[in-house]
Amino acid sequence: MSILAQVRREFAAFFHSPIAYVLLLVATVLNGLVFMFIVDFLSDPRSPHGAPMQMLFSWVIFWFIVIVVTPLITMRTLAEEKSSGTLETLLTAPIDEFGVVVAKFLAALGFYLVLWLPTLAYPLVLSRFSEIDLGPILAGYLGAAGVGTMFLSIGILCSALFRSQIVAALLSFAVVMVLFLAPLFSFLDPAITSDSILGYMELISHMEDFSRGIVDSRHLIYYGSVTLFALFCTVQVIQARRWRG
């Protein structure tokens, strides 16, 4: 079985679970409500000038969706295989540990991106009433994909560590929250600047840049580095389990 075939299998498996449709519904409804509120807010002459899509990618609901949804997407990826005893069977197929991890990751990323597909209608709606700048919009989606990629890789690593999907989801949520909240303490110390480690990891400012159309390669390098490290650790966890088995 090739990696591509495994990706298709894993992606289709998401839609065999009711939680996939719940996540799709929740994300669509929350984003829709936020978009309606933003448009209504900006239509008031007394409101400050702003771009609806920029606000969509920087408000608290965006972070709620990303932080809560990614552990729920990844919690079953490897934990379910371990609890059901099918991981060993999967590894006997013509695909190694690396291929299994990559397939699981790409399938999870594909489903995560599907959650944002309904929001593509928002720029179309806005374009009927005013001119829109596609640059910041595309950068905002790139930022959302980058943050999601990093969080998903962490979730898959947590799923590889435990048989329980709930434990995997909780651990993933905890790690993601640490990554999200720790840099915020930089505001408590004036000596900590944007060039420091904590400033470099500050995800809120990252998304503010993306939503304004600023694509900083440092942000993408950060997401990519964490993603590759988490996936590497996941492969090592599976290999260690295989040798023990």
Protein backbone atom coordinates (compact mmCIF):
# COMPACT_ATOMS: atom_id res chain seq x y z
CA MET A 1 0.00 0.00 0.00
CA SER A 2 1.50 3.34 -1.06
CA ILE A 3 1.52 6.41 1.16
CA LEU A 4 -0.98 8.12 -1.16
CA ALA A 5 -3.38 5.20 -0.90
CA GLN A 6 -3.00 5.23 2.87
CA VAL A 7 -3.69 8.98 2.95
CA ARG A 8 -6.93 8.44 0.99
CA ARG A 9 -7.92 5.65 3.36
CA GLU A 10 -7.20 7.69 6.47
CA PHE A 11 -8.94 10.79 5.09
CA ALA A 12 -12.06 8.81 4.22
CA ALA A 13 -12.02 7.25 7.71
CA PHE A 14 -12.61 10.67 9.25
CA PHE A 15 -16.03 10.83 7.65
CA HIS A 16 -17.02 7.44 9.07
CA SER A 17 -17.10 9.02 12.53
CA PRO A 18 -19.90 11.31 13.79
CA ILE A 19 -17.33 13.57 15.44
CA ALA A 20 -16.15 14.70 12.00
CA TYR A 21 -19.58 16.09 11.16
CA VAL A 22 -19.89 17.63 14.62
CA LEU A 23 -16.57 19.43 14.17
CA LEU A 24 -17.59 20.60 10.70
CA LEU A 25 -20.89 21.90 12.01
CA VAL A 26 -19.37 23.63 15.02
CA ALA A 27 -16.59 25.29 13.01
CA THR A 28 -18.99 26.40 10.28
CA VAL A 29 -21.54 27.81 12.71
CA LEU A 30 -18.97 29.61 14.87
CA ASN A 31 -17.17 31.12 11.90
CA GLY A 32 -20.48 32.11 10.33
CA LEU A 33 -21.70 33.82 13.48
CA VAL A 34 -18.41 35.65 13.94
CA PHE A 35 -18.39 36.79 10.31
CA MET A 36 -21.96 38.09 10.60
CA PHE A 37 -21.08 39.93 13.81
CA ILE A 38 -17.97 41.46 12.23
CA VAL A 39 -19.85 42.66 9.16
CA ASP A 40 -22.64 44.09 11.31
CA PHE A 41 -20.09 45.77 13.57
CA LEU A 42 -18.16 47.35 10.69
CA SER A 43 -21.34 48.51 8.95
CA ASP A 44 -21.99 50.89 11.85
CA PRO A 45 -20.69 54.36 10.85
CA ARG A 46 -19.39 54.82 14.38
CA SER A 47 -17.19 51.72 14.14
CA PRO A 48 -13.48 52.00 13.34
CA HIS A 49 -12.29 51.00 9.90
CA GLY A 50 -11.32 47.35 9.56
CA ALA A 51 -11.15 44.38 7.20
CA PRO A 52 -13.64 41.57 8.02
CA MET A 53 -11.34 38.71 7.04
CA GLN A 54 -8.46 40.22 8.97
CA MET A 55 -10.62 40.34 12.07
CA LEU A 56 -11.88 36.79 11.46
CA PHE A 57 -8.32 35.42 11.63
CA SER A 58 -7.35 37.37 14.73
CA TRP A 59 -10.36 37.18 17.03
CA VAL A 60 -10.59 34.81 19.97
CA ILE A 61 -13.01 32.45 18.18
CA PHE A 62 -10.34 31.65 15.62
CA TRP A 63 -8.01 30.49 18.37
CA PHE A 64 -10.79 28.61 20.13
CA ILE A 65 -11.50 26.64 16.96
CA VAL A 66 -7.84 25.88 16.22
CA ILE A 67 -6.83 24.98 19.77
CA VAL A 68 -9.87 22.85 20.57
CA VAL A 69 -10.43 21.19 17.20
CA THR A 70 -6.90 20.00 16.42
CA PRO A 71 -6.64 17.64 19.44
CA LEU A 72 -10.05 16.22 18.56
CA ILE A 73 -8.94 15.59 14.98
CA THR A 74 -5.75 13.78 15.96
CA MET A 75 -6.78 11.94 19.12
CA ARG A 76 -7.85 8.79 17.24
CA THR A 77 -5.10 8.70 14.61
CA LEU A 78 -2.74 6.32 16.43
CA ALA A 79 -4.38 5.82 19.82
CA GLU A 80 -7.26 3.97 18.18
CA GLU A 81 -4.87 1.76 16.22
CA LYS A 82 -3.03 0.90 19.44
CA SER A 83 -6.15 0.20 21.50
CA SER A 84 -7.69 -1.99 18.82
CA GLY A 85 -4.43 -3.82 18.08
CA THR A 86 -4.46 -2.88 14.39
CA LEU A 87 -1.23 -0.86 14.48
CA GLU A 88 0.93 -3.96 14.20
CA THR A 89 -1.18 -5.18 11.28
CA LEU A 90 -0.86 -1.82 9.57
CA LEU A 91 2.92 -1.95 9.91
CA THR A 92 3.07 -5.37 8.24
CA ALA A 93 1.76 -3.78 5.05
CA PRO A 94 4.31 -2.49 2.49
CA ILE A 95 4.58 0.82 4.35
CA ASP A 96 7.00 1.64 7.16
CA GLU A 97 6.59 3.71 10.30
CA PHE A 98 7.50 6.90 8.47
CA GLY A 99 4.85 6.24 5.84
CA VAL A 100 2.20 5.53 8.46
CA VAL A 101 2.93 8.75 10.35
CA VAL A 102 3.04 10.87 7.19
CA ALA A 103 -0.23 9.36 5.94
CA LYS A 104 -1.96 9.98 9.27
CA PHE A 105 -0.64 13.54 9.36
CA LEU A 106 -1.61 14.43 5.79
CA ALA A 107 -5.10 12.98 6.26
CA ALA A 108 -5.58 14.98 9.47
CA LEU A 109 -4.29 18.12 7.74
CA GLY A 110 -6.67 17.53 4.85
CA PHE A 111 -9.63 17.29 7.19
CA TYR A 112 -8.48 20.38 9.08
CA LEU A 113 -8.39 22.34 5.83
CA VAL A 114 -11.89 21.13 4.98
CA LEU A 115 -13.11 22.87 8.15
CA TRP A 116 -12.10 26.20 6.61
CA LEU A 117 -13.63 25.59 3.18
CA PRO A 118 -17.00 27.21 4.08
CA THR A 119 -15.20 30.45 4.95
CA LEU A 120 -14.11 30.80 1.31
CA ALA A 121 -17.63 32.09 0.67
CA TYR A 122 -16.98 35.14 2.86
CA PRO A 123 -14.60 36.94 0.45
CA LEU A 124 -17.05 36.21 -2.37
CA VAL A 125 -19.85 37.84 -0.40
CA LEU A 126 -17.68 40.83 0.47
CA SER A 127 -16.56 41.27 -3.16
CA ARG A 128 -20.16 41.91 -4.20
CA PHE A 129 -20.35 45.01 -2.04
CA SER A 130 -16.80 46.38 -2.04
CA GLU A 131 -13.33 45.80 -3.37
CA ILE A 132 -11.26 43.31 -1.43
CA ASP A 133 -7.51 42.83 -1.12
CA LEU A 134 -6.72 39.19 -1.81
CA GLY A 135 -3.19 39.43 -0.42
CA PRO A 136 -4.09 39.64 3.29
CA ILE A 137 -6.89 37.10 2.82
CA LEU A 138 -4.58 34.51 1.27
CA ALA A 139 -1.93 35.24 3.91
CA GLY A 140 -4.55 34.74 6.63
CA TYR A 141 -5.40 31.31 5.26
CA LEU A 142 -1.69 30.50 5.05
CA GLY A 143 -1.27 31.44 8.70
CA ALA A 144 -4.28 29.34 9.72
CA ALA A 145 -2.85 26.38 7.80
CA GLY A 146 0.60 26.86 9.35
CA VAL A 147 -0.64 27.02 12.94
CA GLY A 148 -2.95 24.07 12.33
CA THR A 149 -0.12 22.04 10.82
CA MET A 150 2.01 22.55 13.91
CA PHE A 151 -0.81 21.72 16.33
CA LEU A 152 -1.82 18.62 14.36
CA SER A 153 1.72 17.23 14.45
CA ILE A 154 1.74 17.66 18.23
CA GLY A 155 -1.63 15.92 18.46
CA ILE A 156 -0.40 12.94 16.43
CA LEU A 157 2.63 12.61 18.70
CA CYS A 158 0.36 12.60 21.76
CA SER A 159 -1.88 10.03 20.08
CA ALA A 160 1.15 7.77 19.56
CA LEU A 161 1.98 7.88 23.27
CA PHE A 162 -1.33 6.56 24.63
CA ARG A 163 -3.99 3.99 23.90
CA SER A 164 -6.74 6.24 25.25
CA GLN A 165 -8.05 8.79 22.77
CA ILE A 166 -9.29 11.01 25.60
CA VAL A 167 -5.88 11.07 27.29
CA ALA A 168 -4.22 11.80 23.95
CA ALA A 169 -6.62 14.69 23.30
CA LEU A 170 -6.12 16.15 26.78
CA LEU A 171 -2.33 15.95 26.55
CA SER A 172 -2.38 17.50 23.09
CA PHE A 173 -4.62 20.30 24.32
CA ALA A 174 -2.30 20.93 27.27
CA VAL A 175 0.83 21.10 25.09
CA VAL A 176 -0.88 23.37 22.57
CA MET A 177 -2.06 25.67 25.35
CA VAL A 178 1.48 25.91 26.72
CA LEU A 179 2.78 26.90 23.27
CA PHE A 180 -0.03 29.42 22.95
CA LEU A 181 0.10 30.95 26.42
CA ALA A 182 3.80 30.85 27.35
CA PRO A 183 4.86 33.61 24.92
CA LEU A 184 2.12 35.88 26.27
CA PHE A 185 4.16 36.26 29.46
CA SER A 186 6.60 38.30 27.39
CA PHE A 187 4.29 41.25 28.06
CA LEU A 188 5.10 40.99 31.75
CA ASP A 189 8.79 41.63 31.19
CA PRO A 190 9.78 44.68 29.11
CA ALA A 191 13.20 43.12 28.59
CA ILE A 192 11.61 40.40 26.44
CA THR A 193 11.40 41.64 22.86
CA SER A 194 9.98 40.24 19.66
CA ASP A 195 13.50 39.01 18.81
CA SER A 196 13.66 36.83 21.93
CA ILE A 197 12.64 33.19 22.01
CA LEU A 198 9.29 33.93 23.63
CA GLY A 199 8.67 36.77 21.21
CA TYR A 200 9.55 34.47 18.31
CA MET A 201 6.96 31.94 19.52
CA GLU A 202 4.14 34.47 20.04
CA LEU A 203 1.34 33.02 17.92
CA ILE A 204 -1.13 35.89 18.27
CA SER A 205 1.30 38.36 16.74
CA HIS A 206 2.04 35.81 14.01
CA MET A 207 -1.60 35.71 12.96
CA GLU A 208 -1.88 39.48 13.19
CA ASP A 209 0.96 39.68 10.67
CA PHE A 210 -0.61 37.11 8.37
CA SER A 211 -4.04 38.77 8.54
CA ARG A 212 -2.43 42.05 7.46
CA GLY A 213 -0.80 40.34 4.50
CA ILE A 214 2.68 40.11 6.06
CA VAL A 215 4.16 36.67 5.36
CA ASP A 216 7.19 36.42 7.64
CA SER A 217 9.35 33.44 6.80
CA ARG A 218 10.40 33.19 10.46
CA HIS A 219 6.84 32.25 11.40
CA LEU A 220 6.72 29.55 8.73
CA ILE A 221 10.13 28.22 9.80
CA TYR A 222 8.88 27.99 13.38
CA TYR A 223 5.75 26.06 12.37
CA GLY A 224 7.75 23.78 10.07
CA SER A 225 10.46 23.09 12.65
CA VAL A 226 8.00 22.10 15.38
CA THR A 227 6.01 20.02 12.89
CA LEU A 228 9.06 18.07 11.65
CA PHE A 229 10.34 17.53 15.19
CA ALA A 230 6.96 16.25 16.42
CA LEU A 231 6.58 13.90 13.45
CA PHE A 232 10.15 12.66 13.92
CA CYS A 233 9.39 11.90 17.57
CA THR A 234 6.20 10.13 16.55
CA VAL A 235 8.14 7.83 14.21
CA GLN A 236 10.58 7.08 17.02
CA VAL A 237 7.74 6.23 19.41
CA ILE A 238 6.23 3.78 16.93
CA GLN A 239 9.58 2.21 16.15
CA ALA A 240 10.32 1.77 19.86
CA ARG A 241 6.95 0.08 20.34
CA ARG A 242 7.60 -2.20 17.39
CA TRP A 243 10.97 -3.30 18.77
CA ARG A 244 9.43 -3.95 22.18
CA GLY A 245 6.69 -5.95 20.52
